[in-house]
Amino acid sequence: TPVNANSLENLAKRRTVNTVGGYVLGLLALASIILT
């Protein structure tokens, strides 16, 4: 069903956003540790 495919796509997008967001946060934390 198209609805299922749509929700799966949304889940995948959300997971990607979470992964990228976590990566960026990790980099920022590392940078702040290095800069202090």
N, C-alpha and C. Protein backbone atom coordinates (compact mmCIF):
# COMPACT_ATOMS: atom_id res chain seq x y z
N THR A 1 0.83 -1.21 0.00
CA THR A 1 0.00 0.00 0.00
C THR A 1 0.87 1.25 0.00
N PRO A 2 0.45 2.28 -0.72
CA PRO A 2 1.23 3.53 -0.81
C PRO A 2 1.43 4.17 0.56
N VAL A 3 0.44 4.05 1.43
CA VAL A 3 0.56 4.67 2.76
C VAL A 3 1.72 4.06 3.52
N ASN A 4 1.86 2.74 3.46
CA ASN A 4 2.96 2.07 4.16
C ASN A 4 4.30 2.53 3.61
N ALA A 5 4.42 2.59 2.28
CA ALA A 5 5.67 3.02 1.66
C ALA A 5 6.01 4.44 2.11
N ASN A 6 4.99 5.28 2.19
CA ASN A 6 5.19 6.66 2.59
C ASN A 6 5.73 6.75 4.01
N SER A 7 5.12 6.01 4.93
CA SER A 7 5.56 6.08 6.33
C SER A 7 6.95 5.49 6.47
N LEU A 8 7.26 4.46 5.67
CA LEU A 8 8.61 3.88 5.71
C LEU A 8 9.63 4.91 5.24
N GLU A 9 9.26 5.65 4.19
CA GLU A 9 10.16 6.69 3.67
C GLU A 9 10.39 7.75 4.73
N ASN A 10 9.32 8.14 5.42
CA ASN A 10 9.44 9.15 6.48
C ASN A 10 10.33 8.65 7.61
N LEU A 11 10.19 7.37 7.96
CA LEU A 11 11.03 6.79 9.01
C LEU A 11 12.50 6.85 8.60
N ALA A 12 12.77 6.49 7.35
CA ALA A 12 14.15 6.48 6.85
C ALA A 12 14.72 7.90 6.89
N LYS A 13 13.91 8.87 6.47
CA LYS A 13 14.37 10.26 6.47
C LYS A 13 14.67 10.71 7.89
N ARG A 14 13.76 10.37 8.82
CA ARG A 14 13.95 10.78 10.21
C ARG A 14 15.22 10.17 10.77
N ARG A 15 15.46 8.90 10.44
CA ARG A 15 16.65 8.22 10.95
C ARG A 15 17.91 8.90 10.40
N THR A 16 17.87 9.28 9.12
CA THR A 16 19.02 9.95 8.50
C THR A 16 19.27 11.28 9.19
N VAL A 17 18.20 12.03 9.43
CA VAL A 17 18.33 13.33 10.10
C VAL A 17 18.93 13.14 11.49
N ASN A 18 18.45 12.11 12.21
CA ASN A 18 18.96 11.85 13.56
C ASN A 18 20.45 11.52 13.51
N THR A 19 20.85 10.70 12.53
CA THR A 19 22.25 10.29 12.42
C THR A 19 23.13 11.50 12.12
N VAL A 20 22.70 12.30 11.14
CA VAL A 20 23.48 13.49 10.77
C VAL A 20 23.53 14.47 11.94
N GLY A 21 22.39 14.64 12.62
CA GLY A 21 22.35 15.55 13.76
C GLY A 21 23.28 15.10 14.87
N GLY A 22 23.29 13.81 15.15
CA GLY A 22 24.17 13.28 16.18
C GLY A 22 25.63 13.45 15.80
N TYR A 23 25.92 13.26 14.51
CA TYR A 23 27.29 13.41 14.02
C TYR A 23 27.76 14.85 14.20
N VAL A 24 26.88 15.79 13.81
CA VAL A 24 27.22 17.22 13.94
C VAL A 24 27.42 17.59 15.40
N LEU A 25 26.52 17.10 16.27
CA LEU A 25 26.65 17.40 17.70
C LEU A 25 27.96 16.85 18.25
N GLY A 26 28.33 15.66 17.81
CA GLY A 26 29.59 15.05 18.25
C GLY A 26 30.78 15.89 17.81
N LEU A 27 30.73 16.37 16.57
CA LEU A 27 31.82 17.20 16.06
C LEU A 27 31.92 18.50 16.86
N LEU A 28 30.77 19.11 17.15
CA LEU A 28 30.77 20.35 17.93
C LEU A 28 31.34 20.12 19.32
N ALA A 29 30.98 19.01 19.94
CA ALA A 29 31.50 18.70 21.27
C ALA A 29 33.01 18.52 21.21
N LEU A 30 33.48 17.79 20.19
CA LEU A 30 34.92 17.59 20.03
C LEU A 30 35.62 18.92 19.84
N ALA A 31 35.06 19.77 18.99
CA ALA A 31 35.67 21.07 18.72
C ALA A 31 35.76 21.90 19.99
N SER A 32 34.70 21.90 20.78
CA SER A 32 34.71 22.71 22.01
C SER A 32 35.74 22.17 23.00
N ILE A 33 35.91 20.85 23.03
CA ILE A 33 36.92 20.26 23.92
C ILE A 33 38.32 20.66 23.46
N ILE A 34 38.54 20.61 22.13
CA ILE A 34 39.86 20.92 21.58
C ILE A 34 40.17 22.41 21.76
N LEU A 35 39.15 23.26 21.60
CA LEU A 35 39.38 24.70 21.63
C LEU A 35 39.57 25.24 23.04
N THR A 36 39.15 24.50 24.06
CA THR A 36 39.29 25.04 25.42
C THR A 36 40.66 24.74 25.98
